[in-house]
Amino acid sequence: MIAFHYPPFAGGSGIQRALKFSRYLPDHGWQPVILTATPRAYPQVDNGQIHSAPVNVPIRRAFALDTARHLSIGNSYLRWMALPDRWVSWWPGAVFAGLHVIRKYRPQVIWSTYPIATAHLIGLTLHRLTGIRWIVDFRDPMTDTDPLTGVEYPLDPAIRRVNGWIERLTVKRCIRATFTTAGTLSMYADRYPEIPQSRWAMIENGYDEEEFIAAEGVLVHSGLLYPDARDPIAFFTALAELRRAGRISPINLKIILRASGNEDYYGQRIRENGINDIVFLETSLPYRDALVEMMNADGLLIFQAANCNSQIPAKLYEYLRAHRPIFALTDRSGDTACVLRAQGIDTMAPLDSEEQIAQGLLSFLLRVREGRAPIASYEQVRNYSRNSRTQDLARLLDSSVSE
């Protein structure tokens, strides 16, 4: 399993996908071996995370540097030294280490996971050198176009070209390609009509039951808020209007934006709207502490713009497992809204509509106070567990070696 994000990496919830797959695969008949990067390559490390890695899973860490931190002069570096990403130096060392792992453990399948594109370069190289079957975990699109504005992503043209090249090679060479949402899978199936439909598969994100057992036991948003995809500015404006109308106050409402990123920018907008005694920007918490905060909250917030309709924030599945009311600021036609509706949750408003946010939030708060806010049942969310998702991966592995 080739994964850049693995303990002791400290960051968002993306680390949980590979980590939990490696934790639960042995329960489903597959023994993983992890190929990852040396910790010095990580922007931040959390040594406490080391203990979250399963003890029965071999880990091989290959040499890697962060171009921006280790190879720059005066905070600048040659552009090609960070293509497809800042950790391209991981590629040669990981191929060498991967060949050693292959000789020692004789794996049946190679699995690599995005969003570090270099991981797929490593997987592609090892596949070409050994002929071992290769499963590619895209999660989200490597390249995309905003259907509303026509803006292409990644924004950097060089990265976009290289990502497109890797993407084309990857879908042609892999035996399976997995995505976290039906929208992204459909996008790739349309983009590559020559690829057989049997190559595409969906394994959504999820939650880990064991973590919630440890965490069992205000509106909270836990995680990054991207200005282009999860912009809270209309939400701030709606809160300001509700406060001026006397509908909310610091006495009856507290909103925590936990580890949102862009704190300076959002802090200024919060102060300008006069809601800095209602909305609080808080620093990140250890993973289990964040789960405790979710489960103790009166309600949970999801932000997802219409230009990301084919994507679902990974935290949504943890929110569902927390069994707390959810107010979603998202497009009703997107995949995020579809998952919520499937669980009977209809408390949502468009991310960019101040009026609908204000109306929806008041209704949501009333339903929470009266105990009428819809909450997903334990039975409904059980299939979203990381163990269940790992079972999906195990089935995919089984089918890939039986063809």
Protein backbone atom coordinates (compact mmCIF):
# COMPACT_ATOMS: atom_id res chain seq x y z
CA MET A 1 0.00 0.00 0.00
CA ILE A 2 1.66 3.21 -1.20
CA ALA A 3 0.46 6.13 0.92
CA PHE A 4 2.24 9.41 1.63
CA HIS A 5 -0.13 10.32 4.46
CA TYR A 6 0.55 7.84 7.22
CA PRO A 7 1.48 8.25 10.90
CA PRO A 8 3.26 10.30 12.19
CA PHE A 9 1.89 12.72 9.54
CA ALA A 10 -0.20 15.43 11.24
CA GLY A 11 -2.97 16.98 9.20
CA GLY A 12 -6.53 16.55 7.98
CA SER A 13 -8.80 13.54 7.98
CA GLY A 14 -7.27 12.25 4.72
CA ILE A 15 -4.73 10.22 6.69
CA GLN A 16 -7.52 8.06 8.07
CA ARG A 17 -8.30 6.36 4.75
CA ALA A 18 -5.03 4.49 4.26
CA LEU A 19 -4.52 4.09 8.00
CA LYS A 20 -7.89 2.44 8.59
CA PHE A 21 -7.63 0.28 5.47
CA SER A 22 -4.34 -1.06 6.81
CA ARG A 23 -5.94 -1.56 10.21
CA TYR A 24 -8.90 -3.61 8.97
CA LEU A 25 -7.62 -5.46 5.88
CA PRO A 26 -6.23 -8.37 7.96
CA ASP A 27 -9.77 -8.93 9.26
CA HIS A 28 -10.81 -9.55 5.66
CA GLY A 29 -8.06 -11.89 4.55
CA TRP A 30 -5.45 -9.43 3.26
CA GLN A 31 -2.12 -8.60 4.91
CA PRO A 32 -0.97 -5.08 3.96
CA VAL A 33 2.57 -3.75 3.80
CA ILE A 34 2.89 0.04 3.92
CA LEU A 35 5.28 2.00 1.70
CA THR A 36 5.38 5.62 2.84
CA ALA A 37 7.77 8.56 3.23
CA THR A 38 10.26 9.46 5.92
CA PRO A 39 8.71 11.79 8.51
CA ARG A 40 11.08 14.64 7.63
CA ALA A 41 9.06 15.12 4.43
CA TYR A 42 5.90 15.96 6.36
CA PRO A 43 5.06 19.63 6.99
CA GLN A 44 3.98 18.65 10.51
CA VAL A 45 4.34 15.48 12.54
CA ASP A 46 2.47 14.15 15.54
CA ASN A 47 4.57 11.51 17.24
CA GLY A 48 1.53 10.45 19.19
CA GLN A 49 0.08 9.25 15.88
CA ILE A 50 2.78 6.57 15.65
CA HIS A 51 0.81 4.48 18.11
CA SER A 52 -2.28 4.60 15.89
CA ALA A 53 -0.52 2.56 13.19
CA PRO A 54 -1.40 -1.15 13.48
CA VAL A 55 1.45 -3.10 15.07
CA ASN A 56 0.98 -6.13 12.80
CA VAL A 57 1.53 -4.16 9.58
CA PRO A 58 5.10 -3.80 8.22
CA ILE A 59 6.01 -0.21 7.32
CA ARG A 60 8.81 0.79 4.95
CA ARG A 61 9.69 4.50 4.88
CA ALA A 62 11.51 5.74 1.80
CA PHE A 63 13.70 8.84 1.54
CA ALA A 64 11.74 11.96 0.64
CA LEU A 65 12.16 15.72 0.84
CA ASP A 66 9.74 18.62 0.64
CA THR A 67 10.97 20.77 -2.25
CA ALA A 68 9.58 23.96 -0.71
CA ARG A 69 11.34 23.43 2.61
CA HIS A 70 14.45 21.43 1.79
CA LEU A 71 15.45 22.38 -1.77
CA SER A 72 14.57 26.06 -2.00
CA ILE A 73 16.98 28.99 -1.98
CA GLY A 74 15.57 32.17 -0.53
CA ASN A 75 12.08 30.61 -0.49
CA SER A 76 12.24 29.93 -4.24
CA TYR A 77 12.96 26.80 -6.29
CA LEU A 78 12.85 25.63 -9.88
CA ARG A 79 9.27 24.79 -10.87
CA TRP A 80 10.12 21.36 -12.28
CA MET A 81 11.45 20.33 -8.87
CA ALA A 82 7.87 20.31 -7.55
CA LEU A 83 6.08 18.43 -10.33
CA PRO A 84 3.68 16.76 -9.90
CA ASP A 85 4.00 17.87 -6.27
CA ARG A 86 6.55 19.02 -3.70
CA TRP A 87 7.38 15.45 -2.73
CA VAL A 88 8.49 14.14 -6.14
CA SER A 89 11.87 13.30 -4.54
CA TRP A 90 10.02 10.43 -2.85
CA TRP A 91 9.67 8.69 -6.23
CA PRO A 92 13.13 7.13 -6.79
CA GLY A 93 13.67 6.14 -3.17
CA ALA A 94 10.21 4.63 -2.92
CA VAL A 95 10.69 2.61 -6.11
CA PHE A 96 13.95 1.19 -4.73
CA ALA A 97 12.34 0.48 -1.35
CA GLY A 98 9.24 -0.92 -3.05
CA LEU A 99 11.27 -3.43 -5.04
CA HIS A 100 12.85 -4.60 -1.80
CA VAL A 101 9.41 -4.94 -0.21
CA ILE A 102 8.17 -6.90 -3.24
CA ARG A 103 11.11 -9.31 -3.11
CA LYS A 104 10.57 -9.86 0.62
CA TYR A 105 6.77 -10.10 0.86
CA ARG A 106 5.69 -11.15 -2.68
CA PRO A 107 2.47 -9.08 -2.76
CA GLN A 108 -0.35 -9.98 -5.13
CA VAL A 109 -1.57 -6.41 -5.59
CA ILE A 110 -0.06 -2.91 -5.50
CA TRP A 111 -2.36 -0.16 -4.17
CA SER A 112 -1.56 3.56 -4.32
CA THR A 113 -3.61 6.49 -3.07
CA TYR A 114 -3.98 10.16 -3.98
CA PRO A 115 -3.92 13.19 -3.21
CA ILE A 116 -0.11 13.08 -3.46
CA ALA A 117 0.28 12.36 -7.18
CA THR A 118 3.81 11.04 -6.68
CA ALA A 119 2.25 8.00 -4.99
CA HIS A 120 0.67 7.03 -8.32
CA LEU A 121 4.00 7.53 -10.12
CA ILE A 122 5.55 5.11 -7.65
CA GLY A 123 2.71 2.63 -8.12
CA LEU A 124 2.93 2.92 -11.92
CA THR A 125 6.69 2.36 -11.91
CA LEU A 126 6.52 -0.67 -9.63
CA HIS A 127 3.68 -2.11 -11.69
CA ARG A 128 5.66 -1.68 -14.93
CA LEU A 129 8.80 -3.19 -13.40
CA THR A 130 7.13 -6.19 -11.78
CA GLY A 131 3.85 -6.80 -13.60
CA ILE A 132 2.00 -6.97 -10.28
CA ARG A 133 -1.65 -5.93 -10.55
CA TRP A 134 -2.25 -2.35 -9.52
CA ILE A 135 -5.28 -0.71 -7.90
CA VAL A 136 -5.38 3.09 -7.98
CA ASP A 137 -7.26 5.01 -5.30
CA PHE A 138 -8.08 8.40 -6.82
CA ARG A 139 -10.42 9.52 -4.02
CA ASP A 140 -11.20 12.84 -5.80
CA PRO A 141 -10.40 14.02 -9.35
CA MET A 142 -6.76 14.67 -10.25
CA THR A 143 -7.99 17.17 -12.84
CA ASP A 144 -11.34 18.91 -12.95
CA THR A 145 -13.27 21.82 -14.46
CA ASP A 146 -15.69 23.97 -12.48
CA PRO A 147 -19.02 23.48 -14.29
CA LEU A 148 -20.20 26.94 -13.22
CA THR A 149 -17.16 29.05 -14.15
CA GLY A 150 -15.13 26.85 -16.49
CA VAL A 151 -12.07 27.27 -14.28
CA GLU A 152 -9.72 24.29 -14.57
CA TYR A 153 -8.09 22.59 -11.59
CA PRO A 154 -5.36 22.38 -10.48
CA LEU A 155 -5.04 26.10 -11.13
CA ASP A 156 -1.31 25.84 -11.94
CA PRO A 157 -1.12 24.91 -15.67
CA ALA A 158 2.09 22.88 -15.24
CA ILE A 159 0.66 20.80 -12.40
CA ARG A 160 -2.58 20.36 -14.35
CA ARG A 161 -0.70 19.04 -17.41
CA VAL A 162 1.42 16.64 -15.37
CA ASN A 163 -1.59 15.45 -13.38
CA GLY A 164 -3.45 14.83 -16.62
CA TRP A 165 -0.54 12.81 -17.97
CA ILE A 166 -0.34 10.71 -14.80
CA GLU A 167 -4.11 10.27 -14.81
CA ARG A 168 -4.16 8.98 -18.41
CA LEU A 169 -1.34 6.50 -17.80
CA THR A 170 -2.92 5.39 -14.56
CA VAL A 171 -6.39 4.56 -15.85
CA LYS A 172 -4.90 2.64 -18.78
CA ARG A 173 -2.49 0.55 -16.70
CA CYS A 174 -4.40 -0.16 -13.48
CA ILE A 175 -6.71 -3.12 -12.98
CA ARG A 176 -9.10 -1.08 -10.82
CA ALA A 177 -9.59 2.64 -10.12
CA THR A 178 -11.50 3.66 -7.00
CA PHE A 179 -13.28 6.90 -6.14
CA THR A 180 -15.01 8.22 -3.03
CA THR A 181 -18.19 9.45 -4.75
CA ALA A 182 -20.51 8.34 -7.52
CA GLY A 183 -20.14 11.75 -9.16
CA THR A 184 -16.38 11.43 -9.56
CA LEU A 185 -16.67 7.85 -10.81
CA SER A 186 -19.19 8.96 -13.42
CA MET A 187 -16.91 11.84 -14.41
CA TYR A 188 -14.02 9.48 -15.10
CA ALA A 189 -16.21 6.97 -16.91
CA ASP A 190 -17.34 9.79 -19.24
CA ARG A 191 -13.79 11.12 -19.59
CA TYR A 192 -12.38 7.73 -20.59
CA PRO A 193 -15.14 5.91 -22.51
CA GLU A 194 -12.61 3.43 -23.91
CA ILE A 195 -11.94 2.06 -20.41
CA PRO A 196 -14.21 -0.87 -19.46
CA GLN A 197 -16.84 -0.04 -16.86
CA SER A 198 -15.62 -2.93 -14.72
CA ARG A 199 -12.42 -0.98 -14.02
CA TRP A 200 -14.24 1.74 -12.07
CA ALA A 201 -15.24 1.20 -8.43
CA MET A 202 -16.47 3.38 -5.56
CA ILE A 203 -15.29 3.04 -1.97
CA GLU A 204 -16.63 5.98 0.01
CA ASN A 205 -14.98 7.47 3.06
CA GLY A 206 -16.29 6.47 6.46
CA TYR A 207 -15.76 6.48 10.21
CA ASP A 208 -14.00 4.14 12.63
CA GLU A 209 -16.27 2.54 15.24
CA GLU A 210 -13.37 1.92 17.63
CA GLU A 211 -12.48 5.60 17.69
CA PHE A 212 -16.07 6.51 18.53
CA ILE A 213 -16.25 3.97 21.32
CA ALA A 214 -13.28 5.76 22.91
CA ALA A 215 -14.97 9.12 22.32
CA GLU A 216 -18.50 8.27 23.51
CA GLY A 217 -19.44 10.27 26.07
CA VAL A 218 -22.89 24.82 20.25
CA LEU A 219 -22.59 24.25 16.49
CA VAL A 220 -19.26 22.83 15.34
CA HIS A 221 -17.48 22.60 12.03
CA SER A 222 -14.38 20.44 12.27
CA GLY A 223 -11.76 20.88 9.55
CA LEU A 224 -10.60 23.06 6.69
CA LEU A 225 -12.79 25.69 5.05
CA TYR A 226 -11.48 26.38 1.55
CA PRO A 227 -12.38 29.85 0.19
CA ASP A 228 -13.14 28.37 -3.25
CA ALA A 229 -15.03 25.26 -2.15
CA ARG A 230 -16.32 25.74 1.42
CA ASP A 231 -16.55 29.51 1.68
CA PRO A 232 -18.29 30.54 4.93
CA ILE A 233 -18.66 34.24 4.03
CA ALA A 234 -22.39 34.05 3.18
CA PHE A 235 -22.86 32.13 6.43
CA PHE A 236 -21.16 34.94 8.34
CA THR A 237 -23.39 37.52 6.65
CA ALA A 238 -26.51 35.51 7.49
CA LEU A 239 -25.43 35.30 11.13
CA ALA A 240 -24.89 39.07 11.21
CA GLU A 241 -28.40 39.67 9.84
CA LEU A 242 -29.94 37.30 12.37
CA ARG A 243 -28.10 39.03 15.17
CA ARG A 244 -29.25 42.48 14.04
CA ALA A 245 -32.81 41.14 13.95
CA GLY A 246 -32.43 39.84 17.50
CA ARG A 247 -32.93 36.22 16.46
CA ILE A 248 -29.55 35.00 17.75
CA SER A 249 -27.10 36.26 20.37
CA PRO A 250 -24.03 35.07 22.30
CA ILE A 251 -26.44 33.93 25.01
CA ASN A 252 -28.15 31.32 22.86
CA LEU A 253 -25.62 30.41 20.16
CA LYS A 254 -21.94 29.57 19.93
CA ILE A 255 -20.29 28.40 16.74
CA ILE A 256 -16.87 26.75 16.73
CA LEU A 257 -14.89 26.56 13.49
CA ARG A 258 -12.20 24.09 14.40
CA ALA A 259 -8.90 24.10 12.41
CA SER A 260 -10.52 25.96 9.50
CA GLY A 261 -7.33 27.34 7.96
CA ASN A 262 -7.20 30.92 6.60
CA GLU A 263 -7.79 32.10 10.16
CA ASP A 264 -6.50 35.64 9.57
CA TYR A 265 -8.87 36.18 6.65
CA TYR A 266 -11.89 34.57 8.31
CA GLY A 267 -11.15 36.34 11.60
CA GLN A 268 -11.28 39.69 9.83
CA ARG A 269 -14.61 38.83 8.14
CA ILE A 270 -16.05 37.66 11.47
CA ARG A 271 -15.06 40.92 13.18
CA GLU A 272 -16.41 43.01 10.28
CA ASN A 273 -19.77 41.26 10.65
CA GLY A 274 -19.82 41.83 14.41
CA ILE A 275 -20.18 38.16 15.27
CA ASN A 276 -16.81 37.55 16.94
CA ASP A 277 -18.58 36.74 20.22
CA ILE A 278 -20.66 34.08 18.44
CA VAL A 279 -18.19 32.54 16.00
CA PHE A 280 -14.88 31.29 17.35
CA LEU A 281 -11.89 30.13 15.31
CA GLU A 282 -10.20 27.39 17.30
CA THR A 283 -7.00 25.45 16.71
CA SER A 284 -6.83 21.78 15.76
CA LEU A 285 -7.36 18.97 18.24
CA PRO A 286 -6.02 15.41 18.35
CA TYR A 287 -8.29 13.15 16.33
CA ARG A 288 -10.12 11.49 19.22
CA ASP A 289 -10.59 14.81 21.00
CA ALA A 290 -12.16 16.15 17.80
CA LEU A 291 -14.59 13.22 17.83
CA VAL A 292 -15.49 13.98 21.44
CA GLU A 293 -16.21 17.58 20.46
CA MET A 294 -18.45 16.42 17.60
CA MET A 295 -20.43 14.12 19.86
CA ASN A 296 -20.86 16.78 22.54
CA ALA A 297 -22.02 19.42 20.06
CA ASP A 298 -25.67 20.37 19.74
CA GLY A 299 -25.26 20.40 15.98
CA LEU A 300 -22.64 19.93 13.27
CA LEU A 301 -21.98 22.07 10.21
CA ILE A 302 -21.01 20.96 6.70
CA PHE A 303 -19.85 23.42 4.02
CA GLN A 304 -19.64 22.29 0.37
CA ALA A 305 -19.97 24.53 -2.70
CA ALA A 306 -21.91 23.67 -5.86
CA ASN A 307 -18.64 23.54 -7.82
CA CYS A 308 -17.76 20.46 -5.75
CA ASN A 309 -21.03 18.59 -6.26
CA SER A 310 -19.18 15.39 -7.17
CA GLN A 311 -17.20 15.43 -3.93
CA ILE A 312 -18.18 14.63 -0.34
CA PRO A 313 -16.24 15.93 2.68
CA ALA A 314 -14.75 12.93 4.47
CA LYS A 315 -15.91 14.34 7.81
CA LEU A 316 -19.55 13.86 6.76
CA TYR A 317 -19.36 10.16 7.57
CA GLU A 318 -17.94 10.88 11.01
CA TYR A 319 -20.73 13.42 11.52
CA LEU A 320 -23.30 10.75 10.65
CA ARG A 321 -21.74 8.32 13.11
CA ALA A 322 -21.68 11.02 15.82
CA HIS A 323 -25.51 10.97 15.66
CA ARG A 324 -25.80 14.69 16.08
CA PRO A 325 -28.07 16.98 14.04
CA ILE A 326 -26.39 18.23 10.86
CA PHE A 327 -26.96 21.57 9.11
CA ALA A 328 -25.48 21.34 5.63
CA LEU A 329 -24.63 24.39 3.56
CA THR A 330 -24.53 22.70 0.19
CA ASP A 331 -26.25 22.31 -3.18
CA ARG A 332 -29.27 20.01 -2.96
CA SER A 333 -28.30 18.35 -6.27
CA GLY A 334 -24.79 17.41 -5.13
CA ASP A 335 -23.48 14.11 -3.80
CA THR A 336 -23.18 15.49 -0.27
CA ALA A 337 -26.88 16.31 -0.19
CA CYS A 338 -27.73 12.91 -1.70
CA VAL A 339 -25.97 11.08 1.13
CA LEU A 340 -27.76 13.22 3.71
CA ARG A 341 -31.18 12.71 2.13
CA ALA A 342 -30.56 8.96 2.04
CA GLN A 343 -30.27 9.16 5.83
CA GLY A 344 -33.46 11.20 6.13
CA ILE A 345 -31.61 14.47 6.79
CA ASP A 346 -33.13 17.49 5.04
CA THR A 347 -31.69 20.35 7.11
CA MET A 348 -29.69 22.16 4.44
CA ALA A 349 -29.35 25.45 2.57
CA PRO A 350 -27.25 26.64 -0.39
CA LEU A 351 -23.77 27.72 0.65
CA ASP A 352 -24.02 31.04 -1.23
CA SER A 353 -27.56 32.13 -0.27
CA GLU A 354 -27.56 34.40 2.79
CA GLU A 355 -31.37 34.48 2.93
CA GLN A 356 -31.82 30.71 2.73
CA ILE A 357 -29.00 30.13 5.21
CA ALA A 358 -30.68 32.46 7.72
CA GLN A 359 -34.08 30.81 7.28
CA GLY A 360 -32.63 27.31 7.33
CA LEU A 361 -30.49 27.95 10.40
CA LEU A 362 -33.41 29.31 12.43
CA SER A 363 -35.51 26.29 11.50
CA PHE A 364 -32.61 23.96 12.31
CA LEU A 365 -32.00 25.52 15.73
CA LEU A 366 -35.71 25.28 16.58
CA ARG A 367 -35.81 21.61 15.60
CA VAL A 368 -32.67 20.93 17.65
CA ARG A 369 -34.19 22.59 20.75
CA GLU A 370 -37.43 20.64 20.32
CA GLY A 371 -35.63 17.36 19.66
CA ARG A 372 -37.05 17.11 16.13
CA ALA A 373 -33.86 17.50 14.08
CA PRO A 374 -33.31 14.43 11.86
CA ILE A 375 -30.42 12.19 12.86
CA ALA A 376 -29.16 9.13 11.00
CA SER A 377 -29.80 5.86 12.83
CA TYR A 378 -27.05 3.51 13.96
CA GLU A 379 -28.32 0.86 11.54
CA GLN A 380 -28.25 3.27 8.61
CA VAL A 381 -24.68 4.44 9.11
CA ARG A 382 -23.12 1.06 9.92
CA ASN A 383 -22.18 0.49 6.26
CA TYR A 384 -20.12 3.68 6.35
CA SER A 385 -17.64 2.31 8.89
CA ARG A 386 -13.98 2.07 7.91
CA ASN A 387 -14.19 -1.66 8.54
CA SER A 388 -17.06 -1.95 6.07
CA ARG A 389 -15.18 0.17 3.53
CA THR A 390 -12.14 -2.08 3.99
CA GLN A 391 -14.37 -5.06 3.25
CA ASP A 392 -15.20 -3.34 -0.06
CA LEU A 393 -11.48 -3.00 -0.76
CA ALA A 394 -10.87 -6.64 0.17
CA ARG A 395 -13.57 -7.73 -2.31
CA LEU A 396 -11.91 -5.58 -4.97
CA LEU A 397 -8.56 -7.18 -4.20
CA ASP A 398 -10.16 -10.63 -4.38
CA SER A 399 -11.70 -9.90 -7.77
CA SER A 400 -8.48 -8.39 -9.12
CA VAL A 401 -6.50 -11.59 -8.58
CA SER A 402 -9.25 -13.95 -9.74
CA GLU A 403 -9.50 -12.57 -13.27
